[in-house]
Amino acid sequence: MSFEFLTFLAYSPRGKTDIEINSRTVAGSCKNGDVTFSTRLSQRIEEADLSE
């Protein structure tokens, strides 16, 4: 059995750019079960065009 893997998240534990710093905020929201984060992520997944 095989499947394609997609991700909307990239985590950078030691990065210093704005994007890398934001990745830690997003990871914290995910790990802490933030309802707003989960809702927004599920909406983004639904809206995404995953066809190639």
N, C-alpha and C. Protein backbone atom coordinates (compact mmCIF):
# COMPACT_ATOMS: atom_id res chain seq x y z
N MET A 1 0.84 -1.17 0.00
CA MET A 1 0.00 0.00 0.00
C MET A 1 0.90 1.24 0.00
N SER A 2 0.52 2.24 -0.78
CA SER A 2 1.28 3.48 -0.80
C SER A 2 0.33 4.66 -0.97
N PHE A 3 0.78 5.81 -0.60
CA PHE A 3 -0.01 7.03 -0.75
C PHE A 3 0.94 8.21 -0.87
N GLU A 4 0.44 9.28 -1.47
CA GLU A 4 1.22 10.49 -1.59
C GLU A 4 1.12 11.28 -0.29
N PHE A 5 2.19 11.93 0.07
CA PHE A 5 2.23 12.71 1.31
C PHE A 5 2.27 14.19 0.97
N LEU A 6 1.38 14.95 1.57
CA LEU A 6 1.36 16.40 1.42
C LEU A 6 1.37 17.03 2.79
N THR A 7 1.94 18.21 2.90
CA THR A 7 1.91 18.92 4.16
C THR A 7 1.68 20.41 3.93
N PHE A 8 0.97 21.02 4.83
CA PHE A 8 0.76 22.47 4.78
C PHE A 8 1.70 23.16 5.75
N LEU A 9 2.45 22.39 6.51
CA LEU A 9 3.27 22.97 7.57
C LEU A 9 4.74 22.62 7.38
N ALA A 10 5.60 23.54 7.74
CA ALA A 10 7.04 23.31 7.80
C ALA A 10 7.51 23.88 9.13
N TYR A 11 8.28 23.10 9.85
CA TYR A 11 8.70 23.50 11.19
C TYR A 11 10.20 23.77 11.20
N SER A 12 10.60 24.88 11.78
CA SER A 12 12.01 25.25 11.86
C SER A 12 12.34 25.58 13.31
N PRO A 13 12.89 24.63 14.05
CA PRO A 13 13.11 24.83 15.48
C PRO A 13 14.15 25.90 15.85
N ARG A 14 15.08 26.21 14.95
CA ARG A 14 16.13 27.16 15.30
C ARG A 14 16.26 28.32 14.32
N GLY A 15 15.35 28.42 13.37
CA GLY A 15 15.45 29.47 12.37
C GLY A 15 15.26 30.87 12.94
N LYS A 16 15.75 31.86 12.21
CA LYS A 16 15.69 33.23 12.69
C LYS A 16 14.89 34.17 11.78
N THR A 17 14.48 33.70 10.62
CA THR A 17 13.69 34.56 9.74
C THR A 17 12.25 34.62 10.26
N ASP A 18 11.49 35.59 9.78
CA ASP A 18 10.08 35.72 10.20
C ASP A 18 9.29 34.45 9.94
N ILE A 19 9.51 33.84 8.79
CA ILE A 19 8.77 32.62 8.44
C ILE A 19 9.16 31.48 9.39
N GLU A 20 10.43 31.37 9.69
CA GLU A 20 10.89 30.30 10.59
C GLU A 20 10.37 30.51 12.02
N ILE A 21 10.35 31.74 12.46
CA ILE A 21 9.80 32.05 13.79
C ILE A 21 8.31 31.75 13.82
N ASN A 22 7.61 32.15 12.77
CA ASN A 22 6.17 31.88 12.68
C ASN A 22 5.88 30.38 12.68
N SER A 23 6.79 29.59 12.12
CA SER A 23 6.57 28.14 12.09
C SER A 23 6.48 27.57 13.50
N ARG A 24 7.23 28.14 14.43
CA ARG A 24 7.16 27.67 15.82
C ARG A 24 5.85 28.05 16.47
N THR A 25 5.33 29.23 16.13
CA THR A 25 4.02 29.66 16.65
C THR A 25 2.93 28.71 16.14
N VAL A 26 2.99 28.40 14.87
CA VAL A 26 2.00 27.50 14.26
C VAL A 26 2.11 26.11 14.88
N ALA A 27 3.33 25.62 15.05
CA ALA A 27 3.52 24.30 15.65
C ALA A 27 2.96 24.27 17.08
N GLY A 28 3.17 25.34 17.83
CA GLY A 28 2.62 25.42 19.19
C GLY A 28 1.11 25.40 19.18
N SER A 29 0.50 26.12 18.25
CA SER A 29 -0.97 26.12 18.14
C SER A 29 -1.50 24.73 17.84
N CYS A 30 -0.81 24.03 16.96
CA CYS A 30 -1.21 22.66 16.60
C CYS A 30 -1.08 21.74 17.81
N LYS A 31 0.08 21.77 18.46
CA LYS A 31 0.33 20.88 19.60
C LYS A 31 -0.58 21.17 20.79
N ASN A 32 -0.98 22.43 20.96
CA ASN A 32 -1.83 22.80 22.09
C ASN A 32 -3.32 22.65 21.81
N GLY A 33 -3.67 22.19 20.62
CA GLY A 33 -5.07 21.96 20.29
C GLY A 33 -5.88 23.23 20.11
N ASP A 34 -5.25 24.28 19.62
CA ASP A 34 -5.93 25.56 19.39
C ASP A 34 -7.06 25.37 18.38
N VAL A 35 -8.29 25.61 18.80
CA VAL A 35 -9.47 25.39 17.96
C VAL A 35 -9.46 26.30 16.73
N THR A 36 -9.05 27.54 16.91
CA THR A 36 -9.00 28.47 15.78
C THR A 36 -8.01 27.96 14.73
N PHE A 37 -6.86 27.49 15.16
CA PHE A 37 -5.87 26.95 14.24
C PHE A 37 -6.45 25.76 13.48
N SER A 38 -7.06 24.83 14.20
CA SER A 38 -7.62 23.63 13.57
C SER A 38 -8.70 23.98 12.56
N THR A 39 -9.55 24.93 12.89
CA THR A 39 -10.62 25.36 11.99
C THR A 39 -10.04 25.98 10.73
N ARG A 40 -9.08 26.88 10.89
CA ARG A 40 -8.47 27.53 9.73
C ARG A 40 -7.72 26.53 8.85
N LEU A 41 -7.01 25.60 9.46
CA LEU A 41 -6.29 24.60 8.69
C LEU A 41 -7.24 23.72 7.89
N SER A 42 -8.33 23.28 8.52
CA SER A 42 -9.28 22.43 7.80
C SER A 42 -9.93 23.19 6.64
N GLN A 43 -10.19 24.47 6.83
CA GLN A 43 -10.74 25.28 5.73
C GLN A 43 -9.73 25.39 4.59
N ARG A 44 -8.48 25.60 4.91
CA ARG A 44 -7.44 25.71 3.88
C ARG A 44 -7.31 24.40 3.10
N ILE A 45 -7.40 23.27 3.81
CA ILE A 45 -7.31 21.97 3.14
C ILE A 45 -8.49 21.78 2.20
N GLU A 46 -9.68 22.13 2.65
CA GLU A 46 -10.87 22.02 1.79
C GLU A 46 -10.75 22.89 0.54
N GLU A 47 -10.18 24.07 0.68
CA GLU A 47 -10.07 25.02 -0.43
C GLU A 47 -8.91 24.71 -1.37
N ALA A 48 -7.97 23.93 -0.92
CA ALA A 48 -6.76 23.67 -1.70
C ALA A 48 -7.08 22.87 -2.96
N ASP A 49 -6.40 23.24 -4.03
CA ASP A 49 -6.50 22.47 -5.27
C ASP A 49 -5.36 21.45 -5.25
N LEU A 50 -5.68 20.22 -4.89
CA LEU A 50 -4.67 19.20 -4.73
C LEU A 50 -4.48 18.36 -5.99
N SER A 51 -5.18 18.73 -7.05
CA SER A 51 -5.02 17.99 -8.30
C SER A 51 -3.75 18.46 -9.01
N GLU A 52 -3.18 17.58 -9.78
CA GLU A 52 -1.95 17.94 -10.51
C GLU A 52 -2.16 17.86 -11.97
